[in-house]
C-alpha atoms as a PDB file:
ATOM      1  CA  VAL A   1      94.545 130.679  80.063  1.00  0.00           C
ATOM      2  CA  GLY A   2      91.582 128.418  80.865  1.00  0.00           C
ATOM      3  CA  SER A   3      91.836 124.694  81.153  1.00  0.00           C
ATOM      4  CA  SER A   4      89.363 122.060  80.097  1.00  0.00           C
ATOM      5  CA  ARG A   5      90.392 119.873  83.071  1.00  0.00           C
ATOM      6  CA  SER A   6      88.179 120.028  86.108  1.00  0.00           C
ATOM      7  CA  ALA A   7      89.618 120.956  89.497  1.00  0.00           C
ATOM      8  CA  SER A   8      88.889 117.456  90.764  1.00  0.00           C
ATOM      9  CA  ALA A   9      91.058 115.974  88.015  1.00  0.00           C
ATOM     10  CA  ASP A  10      94.059 117.723  89.593  1.00  0.00           C
ATOM     11  CA  CYS A  11      93.530 115.828  92.845  1.00  0.00           C
ATOM     12  CA  SER A  12      94.892 112.360  92.375  1.00  0.00           C
ATOM     13  CA  LEU A  13      94.594 109.577  94.891  1.00  0.00           C
ATOM     14  CA  ALA A  14      97.734 108.341  96.570  1.00  0.00           C
ATOM     15  CA  PRO A  15      98.950 105.072  95.076  1.00  0.00           C
ATOM     16  CA  ALA A  16      97.621 101.978  96.819  1.00  0.00           C
ATOM     17  CA  MET A  17     100.039 100.558  99.372  1.00  0.00           C
ATOM     18  CA  GLN A  18      99.901  97.140 100.946  1.00  0.00           C
ATOM     19  CA  VAL A  19      99.078  96.916 104.663  1.00  0.00           C
ATOM     20  CA  PHE A  20     100.617  94.142 106.772  1.00  0.00           C
ATOM     21  CA  LEU A  21     100.240  93.018 110.349  1.00  0.00           C
ATOM     22  CA  GLU A  22     103.610  92.213 111.846  1.00  0.00           C
ATOM     23  CA  LYS A  23     103.397  89.833 114.801  1.00  0.00           C
ATOM     24  CA  ILE A  24     106.553  90.193 116.858  1.00  0.00           C
ATOM     25  CA  PRO A  25     107.072  87.570 119.587  1.00  0.00           C
ATOM     26  CA  GLN A  26     108.240  88.926 122.939  1.00  0.00           C
ATOM     27  CA  ASP A  27     110.128  87.271 125.783  1.00  0.00           C
ATOM     28  CA  GLY A  28     107.148  87.168 128.190  1.00  0.00           C
ATOM     29  CA  GLN A  29     104.171  84.824 128.425  1.00  0.00           C
ATOM     30  CA  ILE A  30     100.498  85.048 129.346  1.00  0.00           C
ATOM     31  CA  GLY A  31      99.820  81.630 130.818  1.00  0.00           C
ATOM     32  CA  PRO A  32     101.063  79.140 128.202  1.00  0.00           C
ATOM     33  CA  MET A  33     101.034  81.697 125.342  1.00  0.00           C
ATOM     34  CA  GLN A  34     104.025  83.783 124.251  1.00  0.00           C
ATOM     35  CA  VAL A  35     103.299  87.526 124.318  1.00  0.00           C
ATOM     36  CA  VAL A  36     103.087  88.920 120.764  1.00  0.00           C
ATOM     37  CA  HIS A  37     103.550  92.600 119.912  1.00  0.00           C
ATOM     38  CA  TRP A  38     101.556  93.886 116.937  1.00  0.00           C
ATOM     39  CA  ALA A  39     102.781  96.518 114.486  1.00  0.00           C
ATOM     40  CA  ILE A  40     101.289  97.681 111.201  1.00  0.00           C
ATOM     41  CA  ARG A  41     103.579  97.979 108.163  1.00  0.00           C
ATOM     42  CA  VAL A  42     102.381 100.096 105.247  1.00  0.00           C
ATOM     43  CA  GLY A  43     104.069  99.762 101.888  1.00  0.00           C
ATOM     44  CA  SER A  44     106.748  97.349 100.780  1.00  0.00           C
ATOM     45  CA  GLY A  45     110.451  97.531 100.246  1.00  0.00           C
ATOM     46  CA  ARG A  46     112.542 100.518 101.259  1.00  0.00           C
ATOM     47  CA  GLY A  47     109.575 102.886 101.192  1.00  0.00           C
ATOM     48  CA  SER A  48     107.590 100.952 103.788  1.00  0.00           C
ATOM     49  CA  ARG A  49     107.041 102.195 107.318  1.00  0.00           C
ATOM     50  CA  CYS A  50     106.327 100.373 110.546  1.00  0.00           C
ATOM     51  CA  TYR A  51     103.695 101.998 112.804  1.00  0.00           C
ATOM     52  CA  GLU A  52     103.395 100.798 116.396  1.00  0.00           C
ATOM     53  CA  PHE A  53     102.341 101.706 119.936  1.00  0.00           C
ATOM     54  CA  GLU A  54     104.247 100.502 122.961  1.00  0.00           C
ATOM     55  CA  SER A  55     105.269 101.642 126.447  1.00  0.00           C
ATOM     56  CA  GLU A  56     107.344 104.518 125.016  1.00  0.00           C
ATOM     57  CA  GLY A  57     104.363 105.739 122.968  1.00  0.00           C
ATOM     58  CA  VAL A  58     103.814 105.699 119.219  1.00  0.00           C
ATOM     59  CA  GLN A  59     106.761 104.785 117.018  1.00  0.00           C
ATOM     60  CA  VAL A  60     107.241 105.178 113.261  1.00  0.00           C
ATOM     61  CA  GLY A  61     110.229 103.804 111.454  1.00  0.00           C
ATOM     62  CA  GLU A  62     111.796 101.350 109.088  1.00  0.00           C
ATOM     63  CA  HIS A  63     111.825  98.564 111.703  1.00  0.00           C
ATOM     64  CA  THR A  64     109.893  97.662 114.838  1.00  0.00           C
ATOM     65  CA  THR A  65     111.329  98.838 118.152  1.00  0.00           C
ATOM     66  CA  CYS A  66     110.259  95.538 119.774  1.00  0.00           C
ATOM     67  CA  ASP A  67     112.410  93.033 117.874  1.00  0.00           C
ATOM     68  CA  HIS A  68     114.098  90.683 120.360  1.00  0.00           C
ATOM     69  CA  GLY A  69     115.465  88.281 117.773  1.00  0.00           C
ATOM     70  CA  HIS A  70     112.395  86.048 117.403  1.00  0.00           C
ATOM     71  CA  LYS A  71     110.952  85.290 113.945  1.00  0.00           C
ATOM     72  CA  ILE A  72     108.511  88.037 112.924  1.00  0.00           C
ATOM     73  CA  GLN A  73     105.362  86.845 111.170  1.00  0.00           C
ATOM     74  CA  ARG A  74     103.878  89.102 108.491  1.00  0.00           C
ATOM     75  CA  GLN A  75     100.244  88.855 107.344  1.00  0.00           C
ATOM     76  CA  LEU A  76      98.839  90.835 104.397  1.00  0.00           C
ATOM     77  CA  LEU A  77      95.646  92.616 105.464  1.00  0.00           C
ATOM     78  CA  GLY A  78      94.802  94.603 102.332  1.00  0.00           C
ATOM     79  CA  THR A  79      95.667  97.945 100.749  1.00  0.00           C
ATOM     80  CA  THR A  80      95.222 101.610 101.591  1.00  0.00           C
ATOM     81  CA  ARG A  81      95.307 104.843  99.614  1.00  0.00           C
ATOM     82  CA  ARG A  82      96.240 106.853 102.701  1.00  0.00           C
ATOM     83  CA  SER A  83      99.631 108.541 102.332  1.00  0.00           C
ATOM     84  CA  HIS A  84     102.402 108.141 104.892  1.00  0.00           C
ATOM     85  CA  ASP A  85     101.887 111.815 105.829  1.00  0.00           C
ATOM     86  CA  GLU A  86      98.188 111.189 106.565  1.00  0.00           C
ATOM     87  CA  ILE A  87      99.013 108.064 108.536  1.00  0.00           C
ATOM     88  CA  GLU A  88     101.715 109.794 110.577  1.00  0.00           C
ATOM     89  CA  ARG A  89      99.303 112.621 111.490  1.00  0.00           C
ATOM     90  CA  TRP A  90      96.727 110.042 112.670  1.00  0.00           C
ATOM     91  CA  VAL A  91      99.392 108.122 114.611  1.00  0.00           C
ATOM     92  CA  GLU A  92     100.624 111.291 116.354  1.00  0.00           C
ATOM     93  CA  GLN A  93      97.037 112.206 117.329  1.00  0.00           C
ATOM     94  CA  PHE A  94      96.492 108.684 118.679  1.00  0.00           C
ATOM     95  CA  GLY A  95      99.677 108.957 120.728  1.00  0.00           C
ATOM     96  CA  SER A  96      98.843 112.384 122.136  1.00  0.00           C
ATOM     97  CA  ARG A  97      95.405 111.289 123.373  1.00  0.00           C
ATOM     98  CA  THR A  98      96.095 107.696 124.412  1.00  0.00           C
ATOM     99  CA  GLU A  99      97.854 106.266 127.441  1.00  0.00           C
ATOM    100  CA  TYR A 100      99.619 102.932 127.004  1.00  0.00           C
ATOM    101  CA  HIS A 101      98.691 100.004 129.216  1.00  0.00           C
ATOM    102  CA  VAL A 102      99.843  96.458 128.476  1.00  0.00           C
ATOM    103  CA  ALA A 103      96.403  94.996 129.347  1.00  0.00           C
ATOM    104  CA  GLY A 104      94.790  97.222 126.757  1.00  0.00           C
ATOM    105  CA  ARG A 105      91.283  98.490 127.036  1.00  0.00           C
ATOM    106  CA  ASP A 106      90.293  95.594 129.347  1.00  0.00           C
ATOM    107  CA  LEU A 107      90.985  97.657 132.448  1.00  0.00           C
ATOM    108  CA  GLY A 108      89.725 100.950 131.003  1.00  0.00           C
ATOM    109  CA  VAL A 109      93.023 102.699 131.772  1.00  0.00           C
ATOM    110  CA  GLY A 110      94.707 102.719 128.381  1.00  0.00           C
ATOM    111  CA  LYS A 111      95.294 100.866 125.163  1.00  0.00           C
ATOM    112  CA  ASN A 112      97.977  98.505 123.920  1.00  0.00           C
ATOM    113  CA  CYS A 113      99.643  97.637 120.608  1.00  0.00           C
ATOM    114  CA  GLN A 114      96.786  95.381 119.560  1.00  0.00           C
ATOM    115  CA  ASP A 115      94.157  98.089 120.204  1.00  0.00           C
ATOM    116  CA  PHE A 116      96.331 100.508 118.204  1.00  0.00           C
ATOM    117  CA  ALA A 117      96.574  98.065 115.290  1.00  0.00           C
ATOM    118  CA  VAL A 118      92.792  97.606 115.143  1.00  0.00           C
ATOM    119  CA  GLU A 119      92.122 101.364 115.190  1.00  0.00           C
ATOM    120  CA  LEU A 120      94.860 102.116 112.645  1.00  0.00           C
ATOM    121  CA  CYS A 121      93.498  99.439 110.295  1.00  0.00           C
ATOM    122  CA  ALA A 122      90.037 101.022 110.551  1.00  0.00           C
ATOM    123  CA  PHE A 123      91.571 104.420 109.666  1.00  0.00           C
ATOM    124  CA  LEU A 124      93.410 102.837 106.722  1.00  0.00           C
ATOM    125  CA  GLY A 125      90.172 101.259 105.443  1.00  0.00           C
ATOM    126  CA  VAL A 126      91.452  97.721 105.954  1.00  0.00           C
ATOM    127  CA  ASP A 127      89.043  94.957 106.984  1.00  0.00           C
ATOM    128  CA  THR A 128      89.738  94.430 110.700  1.00  0.00           C
ATOM    129  CA  SER A 129      88.099  90.992 110.617  1.00  0.00           C
ATOM    130  CA  LYS A 130      91.362  89.712 109.089  1.00  0.00           C
ATOM    131  CA  LEU A 131      93.197  90.471 112.329  1.00  0.00           C
ATOM    132  CA  PRO A 132      93.817  87.504 114.642  1.00  0.00           C
ATOM    133  CA  TRP A 133      92.371  86.969 118.082  1.00  0.00           C
ATOM    134  CA  ARG A 134      93.779  89.517 120.559  1.00  0.00           C
ATOM    135  CA  GLN A 135      95.590  88.421 123.687  1.00  0.00           C
ATOM    136  CA  ALA A 136      94.270  91.421 125.641  1.00  0.00           C
ATOM    137  CA  ARG A 137      91.123  93.380 124.871  1.00  0.00           C
END
């Protein structure tokens, strides 16, 4: 039986999810500044996921792997229509092709959590100008 609906009408966009930057203070310092780990949280409530890149590679989960008991700051960056499945595929590809280095792309030998956050935000379609100044570039 034919349908009057077009094929494109069957393809619905994923619901918009909020995108947050989580700034997670670490125990170390760079000069007078406390080192801050960046993670990207997509969604809110129990369905949200934390995406991050650290010395053990990419991590996806309910909570950051870098919480050392300091107060985590959360900043709303915008929304995305990317699904968690799409995001996880991108994150896995990033992890498979990228070496971690705490100094980030400064030394040309790898990337850090802040580089990861910038690239993930670009993939999510979030305005990267809302991200704060990076400690390492």
